[in-house]
Amino acid sequence: MLSKPTEYALRALVYIAMANYSGNRPGFKEIAKETDSPEPYMAKILQQLTRAGLVNSLKGRGGGFFFENPDEPLSLHEVILVMEGKQFFNKCGFGFKSCDAANPCPLHNEYIVVRESFYTLVKKETIQSLAQKVMNKEAVLSRLTL
């Protein structure tokens, strides 16, 4: 459902949250390595996230990526809006430009249930809640940590 850039953005933000909890500000190379993401791609994604104000960065010694208010919840919904746009939550499961109850695609009735469940999930879950799951060893952030 999510594009690769959005998947990488979510991984990066979770890693940054974890690093910040430990008092560190990771750079883009470290983030890319630890989240099993391509470096050049990660640099562009982090630039987009920084421009959107979801994360901050400092250059130079002691620099890196960080959350201004690390305890302020950042929902997955907010990240997806930045990466995918608001139309993402209204997409047709069959790929049509428009699909509704009056003109449903073959998947419409079943897909709308999935889409609504996903919407509820991403409104509830936060970058911080996912970071906590990884730190509690209830989940992994990349296949490198398996």
Protein backbone atom coordinates (compact mmCIF):
# COMPACT_ATOMS: atom_id res chain seq x y z
CA MET A 1 0.00 0.00 0.00
CA LEU A 2 2.77 2.45 0.85
CA SER A 3 5.39 3.61 -1.64
CA LYS A 4 9.06 2.80 -1.04
CA PRO A 5 9.88 6.42 -0.14
CA THR A 6 7.17 6.38 2.52
CA GLU A 7 8.41 3.06 3.90
CA TYR A 8 11.94 4.48 4.08
CA ALA A 9 10.64 7.68 5.72
CA LEU A 10 8.85 5.70 8.42
CA ARG A 11 11.93 3.57 9.09
CA ALA A 12 14.14 6.66 9.23
CA LEU A 13 11.89 8.50 11.67
CA VAL A 14 11.64 5.48 13.96
CA TYR A 15 15.43 5.13 13.92
CA ILE A 16 15.90 8.85 14.62
CA ALA A 17 13.47 8.63 17.56
CA MET A 18 15.40 5.66 18.98
CA ALA A 19 18.75 7.40 18.54
CA ASN A 20 17.43 10.60 20.10
CA TYR A 21 16.18 8.67 23.14
CA SER A 22 19.81 7.57 23.58
CA GLY A 23 21.05 11.16 23.24
CA ASN A 24 22.34 10.76 19.68
CA ARG A 25 21.68 12.64 16.47
CA PRO A 26 22.31 10.25 13.59
CA GLY A 27 23.48 11.37 10.17
CA PHE A 28 21.87 10.23 6.93
CA LYS A 29 24.53 7.57 6.25
CA GLU A 30 23.97 5.96 9.64
CA ILE A 31 20.19 6.13 9.20
CA ALA A 32 20.41 4.53 5.74
CA LYS A 33 22.68 1.76 7.00
CA GLU A 34 20.64 0.97 10.10
CA THR A 35 17.32 0.95 8.25
CA ASP A 36 18.60 -1.03 5.27
CA SER A 37 17.85 1.84 2.87
CA PRO A 38 19.86 3.25 -0.07
CA GLU A 39 21.98 6.26 1.01
CA PRO A 40 21.19 8.66 -1.87
CA TYR A 41 17.49 7.91 -1.58
CA MET A 42 17.57 8.37 2.18
CA ALA A 43 19.28 11.75 1.85
CA LYS A 44 16.45 13.01 -0.37
CA ILE A 45 13.76 11.59 1.90
CA LEU A 46 15.31 13.17 4.99
CA GLN A 47 15.50 16.48 3.14
CA GLN A 48 11.78 16.23 2.36
CA LEU A 49 10.93 15.35 5.98
CA THR A 50 13.05 18.25 7.24
CA ARG A 51 11.43 20.73 4.84
CA ALA A 52 8.01 19.54 6.05
CA GLY A 53 9.06 20.16 9.66
CA LEU A 54 8.66 16.55 10.80
CA VAL A 55 12.29 16.33 11.85
CA ASN A 56 15.16 18.82 12.31
CA SER A 57 18.79 18.66 11.29
CA LEU A 58 22.05 20.30 12.22
CA LYS A 59 25.21 20.24 10.14
CA GLY A 60 28.72 19.78 11.45
CA ARG A 61 30.15 18.31 14.61
CA GLY A 62 27.37 17.21 16.95
CA GLY A 63 24.91 17.55 14.11
CA GLY A 64 22.50 15.07 12.62
CA PHE A 65 18.77 14.50 12.66
CA PHE A 66 16.58 15.02 15.69
CA PHE A 67 13.08 15.79 16.90
CA GLU A 68 12.63 19.26 18.39
CA ASN A 69 10.06 17.87 20.84
CA PRO A 70 10.81 14.13 21.04
CA ASP A 71 7.85 13.38 23.31
CA GLU A 72 5.32 15.11 21.05
CA PRO A 73 3.56 12.29 19.19
CA LEU A 74 4.07 12.16 15.43
CA SER A 75 1.35 10.01 13.89
CA LEU A 76 2.02 7.79 10.91
CA HIS A 77 -0.88 9.63 9.30
CA GLU A 78 1.12 12.89 9.36
CA VAL A 79 4.12 11.20 7.76
CA ILE A 80 2.00 9.59 5.05
CA LEU A 81 0.35 12.94 4.27
CA VAL A 82 3.78 14.50 3.70
CA MET A 83 5.09 11.63 1.62
CA GLU A 84 1.99 10.56 -0.33
CA GLY A 85 -0.45 13.48 -0.14
CA LYS A 86 -4.00 13.55 1.19
CA GLN A 87 -5.39 11.74 -1.88
CA PHE A 88 -3.62 8.59 -0.66
CA PHE A 89 -6.42 7.86 1.80
CA ASN A 90 -9.04 7.97 -0.95
CA LYS A 91 -7.26 5.84 -3.55
CA CYS A 92 -9.12 3.17 -5.44
CA GLY A 93 -7.94 -0.37 -4.67
CA PHE A 94 -8.15 -1.21 -8.36
CA GLY A 95 -6.12 1.81 -9.44
CA PHE A 96 -8.89 3.87 -11.03
CA LYS A 97 -8.69 7.66 -10.81
CA SER A 98 -12.16 7.79 -9.30
CA CYS A 99 -14.18 5.11 -7.60
CA ASP A 100 -17.19 5.49 -5.33
CA ALA A 101 -20.42 3.74 -4.32
CA ALA A 102 -22.19 5.09 -7.41
CA ASN A 103 -19.44 3.84 -9.77
CA PRO A 104 -17.58 1.12 -7.85
CA CYS A 105 -14.57 -0.79 -9.10
CA PRO A 106 -14.65 -4.59 -8.72
CA LEU A 107 -12.81 -4.29 -5.36
CA HIS A 108 -14.64 -1.24 -4.03
CA ASN A 109 -16.83 -2.75 -1.31
CA GLU A 110 -14.11 -4.98 0.09
CA TYR A 111 -11.27 -2.48 -0.31
CA ILE A 112 -13.08 0.33 1.49
CA VAL A 113 -13.06 -1.81 4.65
CA VAL A 114 -9.29 -2.33 4.35
CA ARG A 115 -8.69 1.35 3.60
CA GLU A 116 -10.74 2.48 6.62
CA SER A 117 -8.95 0.02 8.92
CA PHE A 118 -5.59 1.24 7.65
CA TYR A 119 -6.67 4.86 8.21
CA THR A 120 -7.63 4.06 11.81
CA LEU A 121 -4.28 2.33 12.36
CA VAL A 122 -2.12 5.18 11.04
CA LYS A 123 -4.08 7.78 13.02
CA LYS A 124 -3.48 5.76 16.21
CA GLU A 125 0.14 4.64 15.81
CA THR A 126 2.98 7.10 16.22
CA ILE A 127 6.67 7.14 15.37
CA GLN A 128 7.29 7.06 19.11
CA SER A 129 5.05 4.02 19.67
CA LEU A 130 6.86 2.13 16.90
CA ALA A 131 10.26 3.14 18.27
CA GLN A 132 9.18 1.88 21.70
CA LYS A 133 8.22 -1.50 20.20
CA VAL A 134 11.67 -1.85 18.65
CA MET A 135 13.43 -0.75 21.84
CA ASN A 136 11.34 -3.25 23.83
CA LYS A 137 12.41 -5.94 21.36
CA GLU A 138 8.78 -6.52 20.34
CA ALA A 139 9.68 -5.63 16.72
CA VAL A 140 12.67 -5.08 14.46
CA LEU A 141 13.51 -2.07 12.36
CA SER A 142 15.41 -3.78 9.57
CA ARG A 143 16.32 -7.24 8.41
CA LEU A 144 19.86 -6.43 9.55
CA THR A 145 18.77 -6.76 13.16
CA LEU A 146 17.21 -10.22 12.74
